[in-house]
């Protein structure tokens, strides 16, 4: 439901959803936001008794300093997304190519990208996968691997570290 707020054309639908939920005041309602910003928006619109949780943002500062034994491991860094410019995958690909040596030094052996071009129209996203491949070719980078469409269980069971990007 929180994604309705991101699409101005669905603004009215978004407000109707909250009105619909207000009829369930005797029920226990719980909502999950995918960022602190989304969770704050949900809390503002929630019926008084409802609860809101933030799913993926870590609590507090997280620092990483690999131990000697971790440096010898082959961790897989992954992301999963539809291939569209507003998802920021091009920044992740460029980052992985530019910092491949540093990432390998801390034990990351590969960067896996799950997903694909799911839109078959002529919008901003048209040819985005070709643009991503052009970045790999430019940097002569074989550290990044496109893994295609896979189930969430496959993705998370084959990933040690997960990064999520989105520009909006």
Protein backbone atom coordinates (compact mmCIF):
# COMPACT_ATOMS: atom_id res chain seq x y z
CA UNK A 1 0.00 0.00 0.00
CA UNK A 2 2.80 2.43 0.78
CA UNK A 3 3.86 2.48 -2.88
CA UNK A 4 0.63 4.25 -3.79
CA UNK A 5 2.11 7.41 -2.27
CA UNK A 6 4.90 7.28 -4.88
CA UNK A 7 2.53 7.41 -7.83
CA UNK A 8 0.62 10.66 -8.11
CA UNK A 9 -1.91 9.05 -10.44
CA UNK A 10 -2.86 6.68 -7.59
CA UNK A 11 -3.09 9.38 -4.91
CA UNK A 12 -6.89 9.06 -4.64
CA UNK A 13 -6.66 5.28 -4.45
CA UNK A 14 -4.11 5.65 -1.63
CA UNK A 15 -6.49 7.80 0.43
CA UNK A 16 -9.36 5.36 -0.19
CA UNK A 17 -7.22 2.48 1.10
CA UNK A 18 -6.75 4.24 4.43
CA UNK A 19 -10.47 4.98 4.64
CA UNK A 20 -11.14 1.29 3.99
CA UNK A 21 -8.78 0.26 6.82
CA UNK A 22 -10.42 2.68 9.23
CA UNK A 23 -13.53 0.46 9.11
CA UNK A 24 -11.51 -2.29 10.77
CA UNK A 25 -10.92 -0.47 14.02
CA UNK A 26 -11.76 -3.62 16.02
CA UNK A 27 -9.13 -5.67 14.16
CA UNK A 28 -5.42 -5.79 14.81
CA UNK A 29 -3.76 -4.14 11.82
CA UNK A 30 -0.03 -4.30 11.15
CA UNK A 31 1.82 -2.67 8.27
CA UNK A 32 5.36 -3.11 7.00
CA UNK A 33 7.29 -0.24 5.47
CA UNK A 34 10.38 -0.82 3.35
CA UNK A 35 12.25 2.21 4.73
CA UNK A 36 12.09 4.59 7.68
CA UNK A 37 10.58 7.24 5.42
CA UNK A 38 7.79 4.90 4.31
CA UNK A 39 7.16 3.76 7.88
CA UNK A 40 6.80 7.38 9.02
CA UNK A 41 4.26 7.99 6.24
CA UNK A 42 2.31 4.88 7.22
CA UNK A 43 2.26 5.86 10.91
CA UNK A 44 0.81 9.28 10.04
CA UNK A 45 -2.06 7.66 8.15
CA UNK A 46 -2.69 4.63 10.37
CA UNK A 47 -5.75 4.04 12.49
CA UNK A 48 -4.78 4.65 16.14
CA UNK A 49 -4.47 0.97 17.17
CA UNK A 50 -2.48 -0.19 14.14
CA UNK A 51 1.23 -1.03 14.28
CA UNK A 52 3.92 -0.31 11.72
CA UNK A 53 7.25 -2.09 11.25
CA UNK A 54 10.28 -1.25 9.14
CA UNK A 55 11.48 -4.30 7.25
CA UNK A 56 15.00 -3.84 5.95
CA UNK A 57 16.70 -0.82 7.43
CA UNK A 58 19.27 -1.74 10.08
CA UNK A 59 19.00 -0.24 13.53
CA UNK A 60 21.87 2.11 14.36
CA UNK A 61 25.31 2.24 12.83
CA UNK A 62 26.78 -0.93 11.40
CA UNK A 63 30.48 -1.10 10.76
CA UNK A 64 32.32 -3.91 9.04
CA UNK A 65 35.90 -4.87 9.57
CA UNK A 66 36.67 -8.38 8.31
CA UNK A 67 38.61 -10.73 10.52
CA UNK A 68 41.52 -12.69 9.07
CA UNK A 69 39.31 -15.75 8.62
CA UNK A 70 36.62 -13.72 6.81
CA UNK A 71 39.13 -12.35 4.32
CA UNK A 72 39.68 -15.88 3.05
CA UNK A 73 35.97 -16.48 2.44
CA UNK A 74 34.14 -15.91 -0.79
CA UNK A 75 31.14 -13.79 0.10
CA UNK A 76 28.52 -13.04 -2.53
CA UNK A 77 27.18 -9.48 -2.63
CA UNK A 78 23.77 -9.34 -4.31
CA UNK A 79 20.93 -7.10 -5.33
CA UNK A 80 17.53 -7.86 -6.83
CA UNK A 81 15.44 -5.45 -8.83
CA UNK A 82 13.57 -4.82 -12.02
CA UNK A 83 15.94 -3.27 -14.54
CA UNK A 84 14.93 0.37 -14.67
CA UNK A 85 17.05 3.54 -14.34
CA UNK A 86 15.20 4.74 -11.23
CA UNK A 87 16.31 1.57 -9.43
CA UNK A 88 19.95 2.72 -9.54
CA UNK A 89 21.46 -0.56 -10.69
CA UNK A 90 23.84 1.34 -12.97
CA UNK A 91 25.38 2.98 -9.90
CA UNK A 92 25.85 -0.41 -8.26
CA UNK A 93 27.44 -1.87 -11.39
CA UNK A 94 29.81 1.07 -11.70
CA UNK A 95 30.61 0.91 -7.97
CA UNK A 96 31.35 -2.83 -8.18
CA UNK A 97 33.61 -2.33 -11.20
CA UNK A 98 35.50 0.62 -9.71
CA UNK A 99 35.95 -1.02 -6.29
CA UNK A 100 36.35 -4.64 -7.36
CA UNK A 101 39.85 -4.90 -5.88
CA UNK A 102 38.76 -3.43 -2.52
CA UNK A 103 35.66 -5.61 -2.40
CA UNK A 104 37.74 -8.71 -3.08
CA UNK A 105 40.18 -7.69 -0.34
CA UNK A 106 37.38 -7.83 2.24
CA UNK A 107 36.25 -11.26 1.02
CA UNK A 108 33.56 -10.49 -1.56
CA UNK A 109 34.21 -12.72 -4.55
CA UNK A 110 31.32 -11.70 -6.83
CA UNK A 111 28.46 -9.26 -7.16
CA UNK A 112 25.23 -10.92 -8.34
CA UNK A 113 22.40 -8.95 -9.88
CA UNK A 114 19.02 -10.70 -9.89
CA UNK A 115 16.23 -9.42 -12.08
CA UNK A 116 15.72 -8.41 -15.66
CA UNK A 117 13.97 -6.02 -17.99
CA UNK A 118 10.34 -6.70 -17.20
CA UNK A 119 8.95 -3.76 -19.15
CA UNK A 120 8.72 -4.18 -22.90
CA UNK A 121 7.84 -0.59 -23.79
CA UNK A 122 9.77 2.41 -25.04
CA UNK A 123 10.06 4.30 -21.73
CA UNK A 124 13.20 5.38 -19.81
CA UNK A 125 13.97 1.76 -19.04
CA UNK A 126 14.12 0.63 -22.70
CA UNK A 127 17.55 -0.89 -23.37
CA UNK A 128 18.65 -0.49 -19.74
CA UNK A 129 20.20 -3.97 -19.62
CA UNK A 130 22.31 -3.07 -22.66
CA UNK A 131 23.44 0.06 -20.81
CA UNK A 132 24.44 -2.06 -17.80
CA UNK A 133 26.40 -4.43 -20.05
CA UNK A 134 28.12 -1.42 -21.65
CA UNK A 135 29.39 -0.37 -18.20
CA UNK A 136 30.82 -3.86 -17.65
CA UNK A 137 32.49 -3.77 -21.05
CA UNK A 138 33.90 -0.27 -20.44
CA UNK A 139 35.58 -1.37 -17.20
CA UNK A 140 36.43 -4.89 -18.45
CA UNK A 141 34.65 -6.13 -15.33
CA UNK A 142 33.79 -9.79 -14.84
CA UNK A 143 33.16 -9.33 -11.10
CA UNK A 144 29.45 -8.52 -11.75
CA UNK A 145 27.20 -11.42 -12.78
CA UNK A 146 23.66 -11.06 -14.09
CA UNK A 147 21.65 -13.95 -12.66
CA UNK A 148 18.22 -13.33 -14.20
CA UNK A 149 14.82 -13.84 -12.60
CA UNK A 150 14.97 -16.17 -9.59
CA UNK A 151 12.74 -16.89 -6.61
CA UNK A 152 13.33 -14.97 -3.36
CA UNK A 153 14.36 -18.22 -1.65
CA UNK A 154 17.02 -18.82 -4.32
CA UNK A 155 18.27 -15.23 -4.14
CA UNK A 156 18.60 -15.09 -0.36
CA UNK A 157 20.04 -18.59 -0.02
CA UNK A 158 22.76 -17.67 -2.55
CA UNK A 159 23.63 -14.25 -1.11
CA UNK A 160 25.80 -13.41 1.86
CA UNK A 161 25.36 -9.63 1.71
CA UNK A 162 22.45 -7.82 0.12
CA UNK A 163 22.28 -4.25 -1.10
CA UNK A 164 19.16 -2.42 -2.16
CA UNK A 165 19.31 0.67 -4.32
CA UNK A 166 16.65 2.98 -5.59
CA UNK A 167 16.98 6.55 -6.74
CA UNK A 168 13.38 7.39 -5.95
